[in-house]
């Protein structure tokens, strides 16, 4: 359903970072969940604090890996205090925690290349 949109974004030079999936332990075989299996996106696997592939992280030859275990992030207010303030944090693991690292890094690399005079990145 999303392939046309992914293809257009890729053609427009937009980097798309997506979670590879968290089912490796279940299947014990290389592979990616959708949309990570799309050729128009960059799949992101999870690694632990030592840089080792996370036991749950799906993987294949196309993945980029980033920290994805015990990542502290914001969570919806209703999970904890339900006080109406955006001050709730929790630790989570998964390729969904790793993909934002790659998305952010890609933005910094793109900005640095533009600053250095590169175009059509």
PDB file of N, CA and C in Angstrom:
ATOM      1  N   UNK A   1       0.815  -1.195   0.000  1.00  0.00           N
ATOM      2  CA  UNK A   1       0.000   0.000   0.000  1.00  0.00           C
ATOM      3  C   UNK A   1       0.864   1.267   0.000  1.00  0.00           C
ATOM      4  N   UNK A   2       2.025   1.202   0.576  1.00  0.00           N
ATOM      5  CA  UNK A   2       2.866   2.382   0.708  1.00  0.00           C
ATOM      6  C   UNK A   2       3.951   2.478  -0.359  1.00  0.00           C
ATOM      7  N   UNK A   3       4.091   1.479  -1.194  1.00  0.00           N
ATOM      8  CA  UNK A   3       5.218   1.441  -2.131  1.00  0.00           C
ATOM      9  C   UNK A   3       5.287   2.650  -3.049  1.00  0.00           C
ATOM     10  N   UNK A   4       4.156   3.119  -3.553  1.00  0.00           N
ATOM     11  CA  UNK A   4       4.179   4.304  -4.420  1.00  0.00           C
ATOM     12  C   UNK A   4       4.717   5.516  -3.672  1.00  0.00           C
ATOM     13  N   UNK A   5       4.296   5.670  -2.421  1.00  0.00           N
ATOM     14  CA  UNK A   5       4.765   6.795  -1.617  1.00  0.00           C
ATOM     15  C   UNK A   5       6.249   6.664  -1.309  1.00  0.00           C
ATOM     16  N   UNK A   6       6.683   5.462  -0.939  1.00  0.00           N
ATOM     17  CA  UNK A   6       8.103   5.240  -0.678  1.00  0.00           C
ATOM     18  C   UNK A   6       8.945   5.524  -1.912  1.00  0.00           C
ATOM     19  N   UNK A   7       8.485   5.047  -3.051  1.00  0.00           N
ATOM     20  CA  UNK A   7       9.229   5.258  -4.302  1.00  0.00           C
ATOM     21  C   UNK A   7       9.334   6.744  -4.626  1.00  0.00           C
ATOM     22  N   UNK A   8       8.252   7.488  -4.411  1.00  0.00           N
ATOM     23  CA  UNK A   8       8.279   8.925  -4.697  1.00  0.00           C
ATOM     24  C   UNK A   8       9.219   9.655  -3.746  1.00  0.00           C
ATOM     25  N   UNK A   9       9.175   9.318  -2.470  1.00  0.00           N
ATOM     26  CA  UNK A   9      10.074   9.940  -1.505  1.00  0.00           C
ATOM     27  C   UNK A   9      11.531   9.641  -1.846  1.00  0.00           C
ATOM     28  N   UNK A  10      11.812   8.399  -2.209  1.00  0.00           N
ATOM     29  CA  UNK A  10      13.178   8.032  -2.596  1.00  0.00           C
ATOM     30  C   UNK A  10      13.607   8.822  -3.831  1.00  0.00           C
ATOM     31  N   UNK A  11      12.711   8.936  -4.821  1.00  0.00           N
ATOM     32  CA  UNK A  11      13.018   9.692  -6.041  1.00  0.00           C
ATOM     33  C   UNK A  11      13.261  11.167  -5.733  1.00  0.00           C
ATOM     34  N   UNK A  12      12.615  11.677  -4.695  1.00  0.00           N
ATOM     35  CA  UNK A  12      12.784  13.072  -4.279  1.00  0.00           C
ATOM     36  C   UNK A  12      14.012  13.268  -3.394  1.00  0.00           C
ATOM     37  N   UNK A  13      14.756  12.195  -3.127  1.00  0.00           N
ATOM     38  CA  UNK A  13      15.971  12.296  -2.317  1.00  0.00           C
ATOM     39  C   UNK A  13      15.725  12.271  -0.822  1.00  0.00           C
ATOM     40  N   UNK A  14      14.574  11.771  -0.403  1.00  0.00           N
ATOM     41  CA  UNK A  14      14.241  11.698   1.024  1.00  0.00           C
ATOM     42  C   UNK A  14      14.696  10.353   1.576  1.00  0.00           C
ATOM     43  N   UNK A  15      15.488  10.393   2.635  1.00  0.00           N
ATOM     44  CA  UNK A  15      15.980   9.191   3.312  1.00  0.00           C
ATOM     45  C   UNK A  15      14.885   8.658   4.214  1.00  0.00           C
ATOM     46  N   UNK A  16      14.547   7.386   4.083  1.00  0.00           N
ATOM     47  CA  UNK A  16      13.486   6.784   4.886  1.00  0.00           C
ATOM     48  C   UNK A  16      14.087   5.682   5.749  1.00  0.00           C
ATOM     49  N   UNK A  17      14.138   5.918   7.035  1.00  0.00           N
ATOM     50  CA  UNK A  17      14.659   4.972   8.015  1.00  0.00           C
ATOM     51  C   UNK A  17      13.479   4.232   8.642  1.00  0.00           C
ATOM     52  N   UNK A  18      13.496   2.895   8.581  1.00  0.00           N
ATOM     53  CA  UNK A  18      12.397   2.118   9.164  1.00  0.00           C
ATOM     54  C   UNK A  18      12.924   0.971  10.022  1.00  0.00           C
ATOM     55  N   UNK A  19      12.145   0.571  10.975  1.00  0.00           N
ATOM     56  CA  UNK A  19      12.499  -0.525  11.867  1.00  0.00           C
ATOM     57  C   UNK A  19      12.536  -1.844  11.114  1.00  0.00           C
ATOM     58  N   UNK A  20      13.578  -2.641  11.355  1.00  0.00           N
ATOM     59  CA  UNK A  20      13.733  -3.926  10.667  1.00  0.00           C
ATOM     60  C   UNK A  20      12.738  -4.968  11.162  1.00  0.00           C
ATOM     61  N   UNK A  21      12.340  -4.870  12.421  1.00  0.00           N
ATOM     62  CA  UNK A  21      11.430  -5.843  13.018  1.00  0.00           C
ATOM     63  C   UNK A  21      12.091  -6.525  14.203  1.00  0.00           C
ATOM     64  N   UNK A  22      11.288  -7.158  15.027  1.00  0.00           N
ATOM     65  CA  UNK A  22      11.771  -7.727  16.287  1.00  0.00           C
ATOM     66  C   UNK A  22      11.485  -9.221  16.423  1.00  0.00           C
ATOM     67  N   UNK A  23      11.424  -9.951  15.321  1.00  0.00           N
ATOM     68  CA  UNK A  23      11.024 -11.359  15.363  1.00  0.00           C
ATOM     69  C   UNK A  23      12.147 -12.353  15.103  1.00  0.00           C
ATOM     70  N   UNK A  24      13.402 -11.929  15.182  1.00  0.00           N
ATOM     71  CA  UNK A  24      14.495 -12.860  14.881  1.00  0.00           C
ATOM     72  C   UNK A  24      14.496 -14.054  15.828  1.00  0.00           C
ATOM     73  N   UNK A  25      14.273 -13.817  17.088  1.00  0.00           N
ATOM     74  CA  UNK A  25      14.288 -14.915  18.055  1.00  0.00           C
ATOM     75  C   UNK A  25      13.212 -15.950  17.721  1.00  0.00           C
ATOM     76  N   UNK A  26      12.094 -15.511  17.215  1.00  0.00           N
ATOM     77  CA  UNK A  26      10.991 -16.415  16.864  1.00  0.00           C
ATOM     78  C   UNK A  26      11.309 -17.246  15.625  1.00  0.00           C
ATOM     79  N   UNK A  27      11.857 -16.606  14.568  1.00  0.00           N
ATOM     80  CA  UNK A  27      12.064 -17.293  13.295  1.00  0.00           C
ATOM     81  C   UNK A  27      13.476 -17.851  13.110  1.00  0.00           C
ATOM     82  N   UNK A  28      14.473 -17.286  13.791  1.00  0.00           N
ATOM     83  CA  UNK A  28      15.870 -17.723  13.697  1.00  0.00           C
ATOM     84  C   UNK A  28      16.367 -17.782  12.245  1.00  0.00           C
ATOM     85  N   UNK A  29      15.948 -16.805  11.454  1.00  0.00           N
ATOM     86  CA  UNK A  29      16.375 -16.726  10.054  1.00  0.00           C
ATOM     87  C   UNK A  29      16.439 -15.261   9.653  1.00  0.00           C
ATOM     88  N   UNK A  30      17.360 -14.947   8.732  1.00  0.00           N
ATOM     89  CA  UNK A  30      17.433 -13.584   8.232  1.00  0.00           C
ATOM     90  C   UNK A  30      16.126 -13.220   7.561  1.00  0.00           C
ATOM     91  N   UNK A  31      15.771 -11.949   7.662  1.00  0.00           N
ATOM     92  CA  UNK A  31      14.546 -11.460   7.035  1.00  0.00           C
ATOM     93  C   UNK A  31      14.133 -10.147   7.663  1.00  0.00           C
ATOM     94  N   UNK A  32      13.251  -9.462   6.977  1.00  0.00           N
ATOM     95  CA  UNK A  32      12.792  -8.152   7.440  1.00  0.00           C
ATOM     96  C   UNK A  32      11.272  -8.103   7.460  1.00  0.00           C
ATOM     97  N   UNK A  33      10.742  -7.336   8.388  1.00  0.00           N
ATOM     98  CA  UNK A  33       9.313  -7.071   8.408  1.00  0.00           C
ATOM     99  C   UNK A  33       9.003  -5.980   7.390  1.00  0.00           C
ATOM    100  N   UNK A  34       7.744  -5.885   6.982  1.00  0.00           N
ATOM    101  CA  UNK A  34       7.350  -4.773   6.126  1.00  0.00           C
ATOM    102  C   UNK A  34       7.057  -3.578   7.023  1.00  0.00           C
ATOM    103  N   UNK A  35       7.499  -2.396   6.681  1.00  0.00           N
ATOM    104  CA  UNK A  35       7.991  -1.928   5.389  1.00  0.00           C
ATOM    105  C   UNK A  35       9.501  -2.029   5.210  1.00  0.00           C
ATOM    106  N   UNK A  36      10.218  -2.622   6.177  1.00  0.00           N
ATOM    107  CA  UNK A  36      11.677  -2.709   6.051  1.00  0.00           C
ATOM    108  C   UNK A  36      12.111  -3.532   4.842  1.00  0.00           C
ATOM    109  N   UNK A  37      11.260  -4.425   4.377  1.00  0.00           N
ATOM    110  CA  UNK A  37      11.600  -5.250   3.224  1.00  0.00           C
ATOM    111  C   UNK A  37      11.480  -4.491   1.900  1.00  0.00           C
ATOM    112  N   UNK A  38      10.939  -3.302   1.923  1.00  0.00           N
ATOM    113  CA  UNK A  38      10.824  -2.486   0.711  1.00  0.00           C
ATOM    114  C   UNK A  38      12.199  -2.043   0.241  1.00  0.00           C
ATOM    115  N   UNK A  39      12.424  -2.069  -1.055  1.00  0.00           N
ATOM    116  CA  UNK A  39      13.710  -1.625  -1.603  1.00  0.00           C
ATOM    117  C   UNK A  39      13.839  -0.099  -1.594  1.00  0.00           C
ATOM    118  N   UNK A  40      12.783   0.601  -1.217  1.00  0.00           N
ATOM    119  CA  UNK A  40      12.783   2.064  -1.214  1.00  0.00           C
ATOM    120  C   UNK A  40      13.110   2.677   0.137  1.00  0.00           C
ATOM    121  N   UNK A  41      13.384   1.844   1.127  1.00  0.00           N
ATOM    122  CA  UNK A  41      13.663   2.336   2.473  1.00  0.00           C
ATOM    123  C   UNK A  41      14.971   1.739   2.979  1.00  0.00           C
ATOM    124  N   UNK A  42      15.466   2.272   4.106  1.00  0.00           N
ATOM    125  CA  UNK A  42      16.661   1.735   4.748  1.00  0.00           C
ATOM    126  C   UNK A  42      16.234   1.046   6.045  1.00  0.00           C
ATOM    127  N   UNK A  43      16.374  -0.274   6.117  1.00  0.00           N
ATOM    128  CA  UNK A  43      15.994  -0.994   7.331  1.00  0.00           C
ATOM    129  C   UNK A  43      17.035  -0.805   8.428  1.00  0.00           C
ATOM    130  N   UNK A  44      16.548  -0.670   9.666  1.00  0.00           N
ATOM    131  CA  UNK A  44      17.442  -0.435  10.801  1.00  0.00           C
ATOM    132  C   UNK A  44      17.272  -1.559  11.824  1.00  0.00           C
ATOM    133  N   UNK A  45      18.381  -2.223  12.123  1.00  0.00           N
ATOM    134  CA  UNK A  45      18.427  -3.277  13.127  1.00  0.00           C
ATOM    135  C   UNK A  45      18.838  -2.668  14.471  1.00  0.00           C
ATOM    136  N   UNK A  46      18.733  -3.453  15.503  1.00  0.00           N
ATOM    137  CA  UNK A  46      19.088  -3.017  16.855  1.00  0.00           C
ATOM    138  C   UNK A  46      20.364  -3.696  17.320  1.00  0.00           C
ATOM    139  N   UNK A  47      21.215  -2.918  18.004  1.00  0.00           N
ATOM    140  CA  UNK A  47      22.389  -3.480  18.677  1.00  0.00           C
ATOM    141  C   UNK A  47      22.335  -3.106  20.156  1.00  0.00           C
ATOM    142  N   UNK A  48      23.059  -3.886  20.962  1.00  0.00           N
ATOM    143  CA  UNK A  48      23.110  -3.608  22.393  1.00  0.00           C
ATOM    144  C   UNK A  48      24.208  -2.583  22.696  1.00  0.00           C
ATOM    145  N   UNK A  49      24.447  -2.333  23.956  1.00  0.00           N
ATOM    146  CA  UNK A  49      25.425  -1.323  24.371  1.00  0.00           C
ATOM    147  C   UNK A  49      26.857  -1.680  23.955  1.00  0.00           C
ATOM    148  N   UNK A  50      27.098  -2.951  23.654  1.00  0.00           N
ATOM    149  CA  UNK A  50      28.425  -3.397  23.220  1.00  0.00           C
ATOM    150  C   UNK A  50      28.551  -3.461  21.701  1.00  0.00           C
ATOM    151  N   UNK A  51      27.518  -3.054  20.993  1.00  0.00           N
ATOM    152  CA  UNK A  51      27.557  -3.090  19.534  1.00  0.00           C
ATOM    153  C   UNK A  51      27.229  -4.439  18.935  1.00  0.00           C
ATOM    154  N   UNK A  52      26.746  -5.366  19.757  1.00  0.00           N
ATOM    155  CA  UNK A  52      26.368  -6.691  19.269  1.00  0.00           C
ATOM    156  C   UNK A  52      24.902  -6.679  18.844  1.00  0.00           C
ATOM    157  N   UNK A  53      24.593  -7.412  17.780  1.00  0.00           N
ATOM    158  CA  UNK A  53      23.222  -7.473  17.290  1.00  0.00           C
ATOM    159  C   UNK A  53      22.303  -7.948  18.413  1.00  0.00           C
ATOM    160  N   UNK A  54      21.200  -7.265  18.601  1.00  0.00           N
ATOM    161  CA  UNK A  54      20.223  -7.641  19.630  1.00  0.00           C
ATOM    162  C   UNK A  54      19.607  -8.994  19.283  1.00  0.00           C
ATOM    163  N   UNK A  55      19.353  -9.802  20.283  1.00  0.00           N
ATOM    164  CA  UNK A  55      18.817 -11.150  20.076  1.00  0.00           C
ATOM    165  C   UNK A  55      17.494 -11.139  19.332  1.00  0.00           C
ATOM    166  N   UNK A  56      16.714 -10.087  19.474  1.00  0.00           N
ATOM    167  CA  UNK A  56      15.384 -10.010  18.869  1.00  0.00           C
ATOM    168  C   UNK A  56      15.388  -9.374  17.486  1.00  0.00           C
ATOM    169  N   UNK A  57      16.446  -8.662  17.149  1.00  0.00           N
ATOM    170  CA  UNK A  57      16.464  -7.822  15.952  1.00  0.00           C
ATOM    171  C   UNK A  57      16.508  -8.622  14.660  1.00  0.00           C
ATOM    172  N   UNK A  58      15.574  -8.336  13.784  1.00  0.00           N
ATOM    173  CA  UNK A  58      15.626  -8.930  12.460  1.00  0.00           C
ATOM    174  C   UNK A  58      16.801  -8.326  11.717  1.00  0.00           C
ATOM    175  N   UNK A  59      17.294  -9.050  10.722  1.00  0.00           N
ATOM    176  CA  UNK A  59      18.530  -8.645  10.065  1.00  0.00           C
ATOM    177  C   UNK A  59      18.604  -9.205   8.659  1.00  0.00           C
ATOM    178  N   UNK A  60      19.405  -8.566   7.852  1.00  0.00           N
ATOM    179  CA  UNK A  60      19.829  -9.073   6.548  1.00  0.00           C
ATOM    180  C   UNK A  60      20.999  -8.227   6.085  1.00  0.00           C
ATOM    181  N   UNK A  61      21.409  -8.380   4.849  1.00  0.00           N
ATOM    182  CA  UNK A  61      22.592  -7.693   4.344  1.00  0.00           C
ATOM    183  C   UNK A  61      22.387  -6.194   4.159  1.00  0.00           C
ATOM    184  N   UNK A  62      21.147  -5.714   4.107  1.00  0.00           N
ATOM    185  CA  UNK A  62      20.883  -4.301   3.838  1.00  0.00           C
ATOM    186  C   UNK A  62      20.746  -3.436   5.082  1.00  0.00           C
ATOM    187  N   UNK A  63      20.705  -4.013   6.263  1.00  0.00           N
ATOM    188  CA  UNK A  63      20.407  -3.220   7.455  1.00  0.00           C
ATOM    189  C   UNK A  63      21.564  -2.330   7.875  1.00  0.00           C
ATOM    190  N   UNK A  64      21.194  -1.230   8.489  1.00  0.00           N
ATOM    191  CA  UNK A  64      22.104  -0.385   9.249  1.00  0.00           C
ATOM    192  C   UNK A  64      21.712  -0.613  10.704  1.00  0.00           C
ATOM    193  N   UNK A  65      22.674  -0.754  11.573  1.00  0.00           N
ATOM    194  CA  UNK A  65      22.366  -1.033  12.972  1.00  0.00           C
ATOM    195  C   UNK A  65      22.624   0.187  13.845  1.00  0.00           C
ATOM    196  N   UNK A  66      21.809   0.325  14.884  1.00  0.00           N
ATOM    197  CA  UNK A  66      21.922   1.441  15.819  1.00  0.00           C
ATOM    198  C   UNK A  66      21.488   0.946  17.200  1.00  0.00           C
ATOM    199  N   UNK A  67      21.811   1.708  18.254  1.00  0.00           N
ATOM    200  CA  UNK A  67      21.398   1.302  19.599  1.00  0.00           C
ATOM    201  C   UNK A  67      19.883   1.124  19.682  1.00  0.00           C
ATOM    202  N   UNK A  68      19.468  -0.009  20.249  1.00  0.00           N
ATOM    203  CA  UNK A  68      18.041  -0.277  20.352  1.00  0.00           C
ATOM    204  C   UNK A  68      17.634  -1.015  21.605  1.00  0.00           C
ATOM    205  N   UNK A  69      18.550  -1.167  22.543  1.00  0.00           N
ATOM    206  CA  UNK A  69      18.210  -1.852  23.791  1.00  0.00           C
ATOM    207  C   UNK A  69      18.259  -0.881  24.959  1.00  0.00           C
ATOM    208  N   UNK A  70      17.222  -0.929  25.781  1.00  0.00           N
ATOM    209  CA  UNK A  70      17.132  -0.102  26.991  1.00  0.00           C
ATOM    210  C   UNK A  70      17.313   1.381  26.688  1.00  0.00           C
ATOM    211  N   UNK A  71      16.613   1.853  25.692  1.00  0.00           N
ATOM    212  CA  UNK A  71      16.667   3.258  25.291  1.00  0.00           C
ATOM    213  C   UNK A  71      15.613   4.026  26.079  1.00  0.00           C
ATOM    214  N   UNK A  72      16.018   5.073  26.745  1.00  0.00           N
ATOM    215  CA  UNK A  72      15.075   5.898  27.509  1.00  0.00           C
ATOM    216  C   UNK A  72      14.456   6.915  26.566  1.00  0.00           C
ATOM    217  N   UNK A  73      13.127   6.979  26.593  1.00  0.00           N
ATOM    218  CA  UNK A  73      12.400   7.883  25.714  1.00  0.00           C
ATOM    219  C   UNK A  73      11.121   8.353  26.400  1.00  0.00           C
ATOM    220  N   UNK A  74      10.491   9.308  25.787  1.00  0.00           N
ATOM    221  CA  UNK A  74       9.211   9.775  26.303  1.00  0.00           C
ATOM    222  C   UNK A  74       8.137   8.728  26.059  1.00  0.00           C
ATOM    223  N   UNK A  75       7.139   8.721  26.914  1.00  0.00           N
ATOM    224  CA  UNK A  75       5.993   7.827  26.753  1.00  0.00           C
ATOM    225  C   UNK A  75       4.724   8.644  26.985  1.00  0.00           C
ATOM    226  N   UNK A  76       3.588   8.149  26.492  1.00  0.00           N
ATOM    227  CA  UNK A  76       2.331   8.875  26.692  1.00  0.00           C
ATOM    228  C   UNK A  76       2.010   9.063  28.172  1.00  0.00           C
ATOM    229  N   UNK A  77       1.407  10.164  28.482  1.00  0.00           N
ATOM    230  CA  UNK A  77       1.072  10.527  29.857  1.00  0.00           C
ATOM    231  C   UNK A  77       0.230   9.459  30.551  1.00  0.00           C
ATOM    232  N   UNK A  78      -0.654   8.794  29.814  1.00  0.00           N
ATOM    233  CA  UNK A  78      -1.556   7.840  30.445  1.00  0.00           C
ATOM    234  C   UNK A  78      -0.844   6.588  30.980  1.00  0.00           C
ATOM    235  N   UNK A  79       0.407   6.353  30.581  1.00  0.00           N
ATOM    236  CA  UNK A  79       1.110   5.171  31.072  1.00  0.00           C
ATOM    237  C   UNK A  79       1.554   5.301  32.520  1.00  0.00           C
ATOM    238  N   UNK A  80       1.750   6.519  32.985  1.00  0.00           N
ATOM    239  CA  UNK A  80       2.243   6.695  34.347  1.00  0.00           C
ATOM    240  C   UNK A  80       1.353   7.609  35.173  1.00  0.00           C
ATOM    241  N   UNK A  81       1.677   8.873  35.197  1.00  0.00           N
ATOM    242  CA  UNK A  81       1.065   9.778  36.156  1.00  0.00           C
ATOM    243  C   UNK A  81      -0.313  10.279  35.769  1.00  0.00           C
ATOM    244  N   UNK A  82      -0.593  10.376  34.480  1.00  0.00           N
ATOM    245  CA  UNK A  82      -1.868  10.903  33.986  1.00  0.00           C
ATOM    246  C   UNK A  82      -2.170  12.265  34.606  1.00  0.00           C
ATOM    247  N   UNK A  83      -1.113  13.098  34.684  1.00  0.00           N
ATOM    248  CA  UNK A  83      -1.252  14.405  35.302  1.00  0.00           C
ATOM    249  C   UNK A  83      -1.345  15.540  34.285  1.00  0.00           C
ATOM    250  N   UNK A  84      -1.360  15.206  32.989  1.00  0.00           N
ATOM    251  CA  UNK A  84      -1.483  16.238  31.961  1.00  0.00           C
ATOM    252  C   UNK A  84      -0.173  16.912  31.604  1.00  0.00           C
ATOM    253  N   UNK A  85       0.912  16.525  32.235  1.00  0.00           N
ATOM    254  CA  UNK A  85       2.226  17.109  31.925  1.00  0.00           C
ATOM    255  C   UNK A  85       3.043  16.121  31.097  1.00  0.00           C
ATOM    256  N   UNK A  86       3.829  16.646  30.184  1.00  0.00           N
ATOM    257  CA  UNK A  86       4.644  15.788  29.329  1.00  0.00           C
ATOM    258  C   UNK A  86       5.999  15.554  29.987  1.00  0.00           C
ATOM    259  N   UNK A  87       5.986  14.758  31.059  1.00  0.00           N
ATOM    260  CA  UNK A  87       7.203  14.510  31.825  1.00  0.00           C
ATOM    261  C   UNK A  87       7.407  13.022  32.103  1.00  0.00           C
ATOM    262  N   UNK A  88       6.844  12.180  31.264  1.00  0.00           N
ATOM    263  CA  UNK A  88       6.909  10.740  31.507  1.00  0.00           C
ATOM    264  C   UNK A  88       7.938  10.086  30.585  1.00  0.00           C
ATOM    265  N   UNK A  89       8.816   9.284  31.169  1.00  0.00           N
ATOM    266  CA  UNK A  89       9.873   8.601  30.442  1.00  0.00           C
ATOM    267  C   UNK A  89       9.892   7.136  30.840  1.00  0.00           C
ATOM    268  N   UNK A  90      10.353   6.286  29.913  1.00  0.00           N
ATOM    269  CA  UNK A  90      10.496   4.858  30.195  1.00  0.00           C
ATOM    270  C   UNK A  90      11.600   4.298  29.319  1.00  0.00           C
ATOM    271  N   UNK A  91      12.077   3.139  29.701  1.00  0.00           N
ATOM    272  CA  UNK A  91      13.092   2.434  28.929  1.00  0.00           C
ATOM    273  C   UNK A  91      12.398   1.384  28.070  1.00  0.00           C
ATOM    274  N   UNK A  92      12.802   1.296  26.800  1.00  0.00           N
ATOM    275  CA  UNK A  92      12.226   0.309  25.896  1.00  0.00           C
ATOM    276  C   UNK A  92      13.315  -0.241  24.985  1.00  0.00           C
ATOM    277  N   UNK A  93      13.054  -1.408  24.431  1.00  0.00           N
ATOM    278  CA  UNK A  93      13.981  -2.028  23.500  1.00  0.00           C
ATOM    279  C   UNK A  93      13.240  -2.415  22.230  1.00  0.00           C
ATOM    280  N   UNK A  94      13.936  -2.338  21.095  1.00  0.00           N
ATOM    281  CA  UNK A  94      13.358  -2.756  19.830  1.00  0.00           C
ATOM    282  C   UNK A  94      13.944  -1.972  18.677  1.00  0.00           C
ATOM    283  N   UNK A  95      13.684  -2.452  17.487  1.00  0.00           N
ATOM    284  CA  UNK A  95      14.190  -1.749  16.313  1.00  0.00           C
ATOM    285  C   UNK A  95      13.490  -0.401  16.142  1.00  0.00           C
ATOM    286  N   UNK A  96      12.327  -0.235  16.738  1.00  0.00           N
ATOM    287  CA  UNK A  96      11.654   1.071  16.718  1.00  0.00           C
ATOM    288  C   UNK A  96      12.406   2.105  17.539  1.00  0.00           C
ATOM    289  N   UNK A  97      13.214   1.640  18.462  1.00  0.00           N
ATOM    290  CA  UNK A  97      14.042   2.554  19.248  1.00  0.00           C
ATOM    291  C   UNK A  97      15.328   2.882  18.496  1.00  0.00           C
ATOM    292  N   UNK A  98      15.765   2.001  17.589  1.00  0.00           N
ATOM    293  CA  UNK A  98      16.996   2.195  16.829  1.00  0.00           C
ATOM    294  C   UNK A  98      16.798   3.086  15.602  1.00  0.00           C
ATOM    295  N   UNK A  99      15.679   2.961  14.927  1.00  0.00           N
ATOM    296  CA  UNK A  99      15.447   3.692  13.675  1.00  0.00           C
ATOM    297  C   UNK A  99      15.576   5.212  13.823  1.00  0.00           C
ATOM    298  N   UNK A 100      15.117   5.818  14.912  1.00  0.00           N
ATOM    299  CA  UNK A 100      15.285   7.276  15.040  1.00  0.00           C
ATOM    300  C   UNK A 100      16.744   7.720  15.120  1.00  0.00           C
ATOM    301  N   UNK A 101      17.639   6.869  15.650  1.00  0.00           N
ATOM    302  CA  UNK A 101      19.059   7.215  15.675  1.00  0.00           C
ATOM    303  C   UNK A 101      19.583   7.383  14.251  1.00  0.00           C
ATOM    304  N   UNK A 102      19.216   6.462  13.367  1.00  0.00           N
ATOM    305  CA  UNK A 102      19.674   6.516  11.983  1.00  0.00           C
ATOM    306  C   UNK A 102      19.031   7.692  11.250  1.00  0.00           C
ATOM    307  N   UNK A 103      17.756   7.942  11.514  1.00  0.00           N
ATOM    308  CA  UNK A 103      17.094   9.089  10.884  1.00  0.00           C
ATOM    309  C   UNK A 103      17.779  10.391  11.285  1.00  0.00           C
ATOM    310  N   UNK A 104      18.086  10.535  12.561  1.00  0.00           N
ATOM    311  CA  UNK A 104      18.761  11.747  13.025  1.00  0.00           C
ATOM    312  C   UNK A 104      20.159  11.876  12.459  1.00  0.00           C
ATOM    313  N   UNK A 105      20.908  10.772  12.430  1.00  0.00           N
ATOM    314  CA  UNK A 105      22.261  10.801  11.878  1.00  0.00           C
ATOM    315  C   UNK A 105      22.229  11.159  10.398  1.00  0.00           C
ATOM    316  N   UNK A 106      21.245  10.654   9.672  1.00  0.00           N
ATOM    317  CA  UNK A 106      21.161  10.961   8.236  1.00  0.00           C
ATOM    318  C   UNK A 106      20.921  12.449   8.008  1.00  0.00           C
ATOM    319  N   UNK A 107      20.171  13.068   8.885  1.00  0.00           N
ATOM    320  CA  UNK A 107      19.923  14.503   8.770  1.00  0.00           C
ATOM    321  C   UNK A 107      21.202  15.294   9.020  1.00  0.00           C
ATOM    322  N   UNK A 108      21.950  14.896  10.032  1.00  0.00           N
ATOM    323  CA  UNK A 108      23.213  15.580  10.328  1.00  0.00           C
ATOM    324  C   UNK A 108      24.220  15.415   9.195  1.00  0.00           C
ATOM    325  N   UNK A 109      24.307  14.216   8.625  1.00  0.00           N
ATOM    326  CA  UNK A 109      25.224  13.980   7.506  1.00  0.00           C
ATOM    327  C   UNK A 109      24.804  14.826   6.306  1.00  0.00           C
ATOM    328  N   UNK A 110      23.509  14.859   6.031  1.00  0.00           N
ATOM    329  CA  UNK A 110      23.013  15.653   4.901  1.00  0.00           C
ATOM    330  C   UNK A 110      23.332  17.137   5.088  1.00  0.00           C
ATOM    331  N   UNK A 111      23.102  17.658   6.292  1.00  0.00           N
ATOM    332  CA  UNK A 111      23.403  19.065   6.570  1.00  0.00           C
ATOM    333  C   UNK A 111      24.892  19.351   6.421  1.00  0.00           C
ATOM    334  N   UNK A 112      25.739  18.443   6.903  1.00  0.00           N
ATOM    335  CA  UNK A 112      27.189  18.638   6.787  1.00  0.00           C
ATOM    336  C   UNK A 112      27.615  18.645   5.324  1.00  0.00           C
ATOM    337  N   UNK A 113      27.043  17.747   4.530  1.00  0.00           N
ATOM    338  CA  UNK A 113      27.379  17.704   3.109  1.00  0.00           C
ATOM    339  C   UNK A 113      26.913  18.961   2.386  1.00  0.00           C
ATOM    340  N   UNK A 114      25.743  19.449   2.728  1.00  0.00           N
ATOM    341  CA  UNK A 114      25.253  20.692   2.128  1.00  0.00           C
ATOM    342  C   UNK A 114      26.136  21.863   2.531  1.00  0.00           C
ATOM    343  N   UNK A 115      26.536  21.903   3.787  1.00  0.00           N
ATOM    344  CA  UNK A 115      27.413  22.954   4.282  1.00  0.00           C
ATOM    345  C   UNK A 115      28.748  22.944   3.530  1.00  0.00           C
ATOM    346  N   UNK A 116      29.190  21.720   3.162  1.00  0.00           N
ATOM    347  CA  UNK A 116      30.458  21.575   2.438  1.00  0.00           C
ATOM    348  C   UNK A 116      30.305  21.827   0.941  1.00  0.00           C
ATOM    349  N   UNK A 117      29.090  22.198   0.523  1.00  0.00           N
ATOM    350  CA  UNK A 117      28.879  22.536  -0.878  1.00  0.00           C
ATOM    351  C   UNK A 117      28.363  21.412  -1.757  1.00  0.00           C
ATOM    352  N   UNK A 118      28.035  20.276  -1.177  1.00  0.00           N
ATOM    353  CA  UNK A 118      27.510  19.176  -1.968  1.00  0.00           C
ATOM    354  C   UNK A 118      26.042  19.416  -2.301  1.00  0.00           C
ATOM    355  N   UNK A 119      25.628  18.973  -3.457  1.00  0.00           N
ATOM    356  CA  UNK A 119      24.213  19.068  -3.832  1.00  0.00           C
ATOM    357  C   UNK A 119      23.764  17.720  -4.371  1.00  0.00           C
ATOM    358  N   UNK A 120      22.487  17.563  -4.570  1.00  0.00           N
ATOM    359  CA  UNK A 120      21.918  16.283  -5.036  1.00  0.00           C
ATOM    360  C   UNK A 120      22.365  15.115  -4.169  1.00  0.00           C
ATOM    361  N   UNK A 121      22.257  15.288  -2.878  1.00  0.00           N
ATOM    362  CA  UNK A 121      22.697  14.278  -1.923  1.00  0.00           C
ATOM    363  C   UNK A 121      21.693  13.132  -1.893  1.00  0.00           C
TER     364      UNK A 121
END
